[in-house]
Protein backbone atom coordinates (compact mmCIF):
# COMPACT_ATOMS: atom_id res chain seq x y z
CA MET A 1 105.75 235.16 136.17
CA LEU A 2 102.24 235.79 136.01
CA LEU A 3 100.80 232.87 134.00
CA LEU A 4 102.66 230.19 135.88
CA PRO A 5 102.33 229.74 139.36
CA TYR A 6 105.88 231.16 140.82
CA GLU A 7 107.32 232.43 144.37
CA ASN A 8 109.80 234.16 145.08
CA PHE A 9 110.59 235.53 148.46
CA PHE A 10 113.43 236.02 151.22
CA ILE A 11 113.53 235.04 154.79
CA THR A 12 115.80 236.82 157.31
CA SER A 13 117.37 234.82 160.44
CA ASP A 14 119.26 235.31 163.31
CA LEU A 15 120.69 232.11 162.73
CA SER A 16 124.26 231.47 161.24
CA LYS A 17 124.73 230.32 158.02
CA GLY A 18 125.93 227.21 159.39
CA GLU A 19 123.26 226.32 161.79
CA ILE A 20 120.62 227.33 158.74
CA LEU A 21 122.43 224.17 156.86
CA GLU A 22 122.17 221.83 159.65
CA ARG A 23 118.89 222.33 160.21
CA LEU A 24 118.13 221.88 156.54
CA LYS A 25 120.37 218.60 156.39
CA THR A 26 117.95 217.35 159.93
CA LEU A 27 114.65 218.24 157.27
CA ILE A 28 115.35 216.42 154.23
CA TYR A 29 116.61 212.90 152.66
CA THR A 30 118.28 212.06 149.57
CA GLU A 31 116.09 210.03 147.29
CA ASN A 32 117.56 206.97 145.18
CA THR A 33 118.39 206.96 141.72
CA PHE A 34 115.29 207.20 140.21
CA GLY A 35 113.10 208.93 142.99
CA ILE A 36 111.72 205.58 143.92
CA LYS A 37 110.47 205.64 147.45
CA PHE A 38 109.64 202.74 150.05
CA PHE A 39 107.16 202.92 152.49
CA ASN A 40 108.42 204.41 156.03
CA SER A 41 111.67 204.78 154.05
CA SER A 42 111.99 208.54 156.00
CA PRO A 43 109.17 208.96 158.27
CA ASN A 44 110.97 211.85 160.27
CA ARG A 45 111.94 213.69 157.26
CA SER A 46 109.07 215.87 155.27
CA TYR A 47 111.42 216.94 152.32
CA THR A 48 113.33 215.39 149.84
CA GLY A 49 116.32 217.06 147.96
CA GLU A 50 119.96 218.15 147.59
CA ILE A 51 122.15 220.72 149.59
CA ASP A 52 125.11 222.03 147.54
CA GLY A 53 126.88 224.17 149.76
CA SER A 54 124.82 227.24 150.22
CA LYS A 55 122.26 226.40 147.42
CA PHE A 56 119.33 223.84 148.01
CA ILE A 57 116.55 222.31 145.90
CA ILE A 58 114.08 220.46 148.10
CA LYS A 59 110.15 219.65 147.50
CA ARG A 60 107.55 218.57 150.44
CA VAL A 61 106.99 214.69 150.69
CA ILE A 62 103.46 213.97 150.30
CA ARG A 63 101.43 210.69 150.19
CA ASN A 64 99.38 211.44 147.63
CA THR A 65 100.31 212.90 143.93
CA ASN A 66 100.22 216.64 142.95
CA SER A 67 101.90 217.36 139.53
CA PHE A 68 101.68 221.25 141.06
CA LEU A 69 104.40 220.36 143.86
CA PRO A 70 106.57 223.45 144.41
CA ARG A 71 110.17 222.57 143.75
CA ILE A 72 111.72 224.98 146.16
CA SER A 73 115.28 226.28 145.65
CA GLY A 74 116.81 228.73 147.78
CA LYS A 75 119.88 230.29 148.62
CA ILE A 76 121.83 231.24 152.11
CA GLU A 77 123.81 234.13 152.43
CA ARG A 78 125.59 235.91 155.67
CA ASN A 79 124.18 238.73 156.75
CA LYS A 80 125.81 240.81 160.28
CA PRO A 81 123.37 239.86 162.43
CA GLY A 82 122.49 236.31 160.89
CA SER A 83 121.25 235.22 157.29
CA ASP A 84 119.27 235.81 154.39
CA ILE A 85 117.71 232.63 152.27
CA ASN A 86 116.13 233.57 148.81
CA ILE A 87 113.35 231.03 148.48
CA ILE A 88 112.20 230.59 144.71
CA MET A 89 109.47 228.05 144.37
CA ARG A 90 108.17 226.85 140.77
CA LEU A 91 106.78 224.62 139.14
CA HIS A 92 109.24 221.35 137.66
CA ASN A 93 110.05 221.66 134.12
CA SER A 94 108.23 218.45 132.99
CA VAL A 95 104.82 220.47 134.00
CA ILE A 96 105.40 223.55 132.56
CA ILE A 97 106.48 221.79 129.36
CA PHE A 98 103.24 219.58 129.34
CA MET A 99 101.28 222.84 129.97
CA LEU A 100 102.75 224.38 127.49
CA LEU A 101 102.21 221.82 125.09
CA TRP A 102 98.54 221.20 126.24
CA CYS A 103 97.70 224.87 125.75
CA GLY A 104 99.43 224.99 122.84
CA PHE A 105 97.25 222.28 120.85
CA LEU A 106 94.15 223.65 122.34
CA GLY A 107 95.23 226.83 120.56
CA PHE A 108 95.99 225.16 117.59
CA GLY A 109 92.55 223.67 117.61
CA ILE A 110 91.04 226.80 118.03
CA ILE A 111 92.74 229.04 115.43
CA ALA A 112 91.82 225.48 113.14
CA SER A 113 88.47 225.40 113.86
CA ASN A 114 87.28 228.58 113.80
CA ASN A 115 86.38 230.37 111.20
CA THR A 116 84.34 233.04 111.97
CA LEU A 117 86.01 235.97 114.72
CA GLY A 118 83.03 235.01 116.80
CA LEU A 119 82.72 232.84 119.69
CA ASN A 120 80.99 229.73 119.62
CA THR A 121 80.58 225.99 121.20
CA GLU A 122 83.98 225.04 118.97
CA THR A 123 85.91 227.79 120.87
CA LEU A 124 84.39 227.96 124.26
CA ILE A 125 85.17 224.45 125.21
CA PRO A 126 89.26 224.74 124.68
CA LEU A 127 89.36 227.96 126.39
CA ALA A 128 86.96 226.13 129.31
CA MET A 129 89.53 223.42 129.22
CA ILE A 130 92.90 226.05 128.93
CA GLY A 131 91.11 228.07 131.79
CA PHE A 132 90.58 224.93 134.01
CA MET A 133 94.05 224.00 133.60
CA TYR A 134 95.28 227.36 135.02
CA VAL A 135 92.90 226.97 137.83
CA ILE A 136 94.05 223.99 139.08
CA SER A 137 97.56 224.48 138.49
CA MET A 138 97.50 227.62 140.46
CA VAL A 139 95.16 225.87 143.53
CA GLY A 140 97.15 222.79 143.42
CA PHE A 141 100.62 224.85 143.93
CA LYS A 142 99.32 227.64 146.12
CA PHE A 143 97.72 224.91 148.55
CA GLU A 144 101.14 223.33 148.99
CA SER A 145 103.60 226.62 148.66
CA ARG A 146 101.77 227.95 151.90
CA LYS A 147 102.49 224.91 153.77
CA SER A 148 106.60 224.63 152.90
CA LYS A 149 106.60 228.50 152.90
CA LYS A 150 105.33 227.93 156.63
CA ASP A 151 107.77 225.60 157.35
CA LEU A 152 110.66 227.23 156.29
CA ILE A 153 109.96 230.16 158.30
CA LYS A 154 109.44 228.07 161.44
CA LEU A 155 112.39 225.91 160.63
CA PHE A 156 114.56 229.06 160.08
CA GLU A 157 113.39 231.04 163.19
CA GLY A 158 112.83 233.86 160.60
CA LYS A 159 110.07 236.31 159.45
CA SER A 160 109.33 236.48 155.41
CA VAL A 161 110.50 239.47 153.97
CA LYS A 162 109.28 240.43 150.25
CA LYS A 163 111.10 243.58 149.67
CA LYS A 164 114.90 243.92 149.87
CA SER A 165 115.90 246.70 151.96
CA PRO A 166 117.92 249.37 150.39
CA GLU A 167 120.94 247.87 151.40
CA THR A 168 120.58 244.65 150.83
CA ARG A 169 119.11 245.63 146.94
CA GLY A 170 122.21 244.33 144.65
CA ARG A 171 123.16 241.05 146.53
CA TYR A 172 120.42 238.62 145.07
CA ARG A 173 121.15 239.73 141.15
CA LYS A 174 122.26 236.38 139.44
């Protein structure tokens, strides 16, 4: 995905699948039914989410609001010396829908107001708004994704691997 903030990376660790799951359990807490959190509800845990078997979906707990906070999903797979964790960071679906609607309305405005093929003020303002939306989403996402990536690598005592090795090439396909 080139246009939307997205990251896919792998962490290899010498820890077993069970050890990784236990570490995850100490890192995250489950939100209430409506996602309401009270002050100091879980001061020692820096992520919220859920674990389902060998898969997990989490997000960082932050004090302020950031609509572009990555939603982190991962899948833990056993490997001979330890475990491989496939991590995908992406925006929440509602944020993606809002961005598509926002850009769609602005794009429609550009087409509707542009009687000529040249650039004019009526065209540049919506284009600048689309550009601003893109920049702010990328900066907000990358700022938080770097922190989460560092936290997860430290938690799993692993290292980040960008490309799959030849022996694990087909393993992560859905």
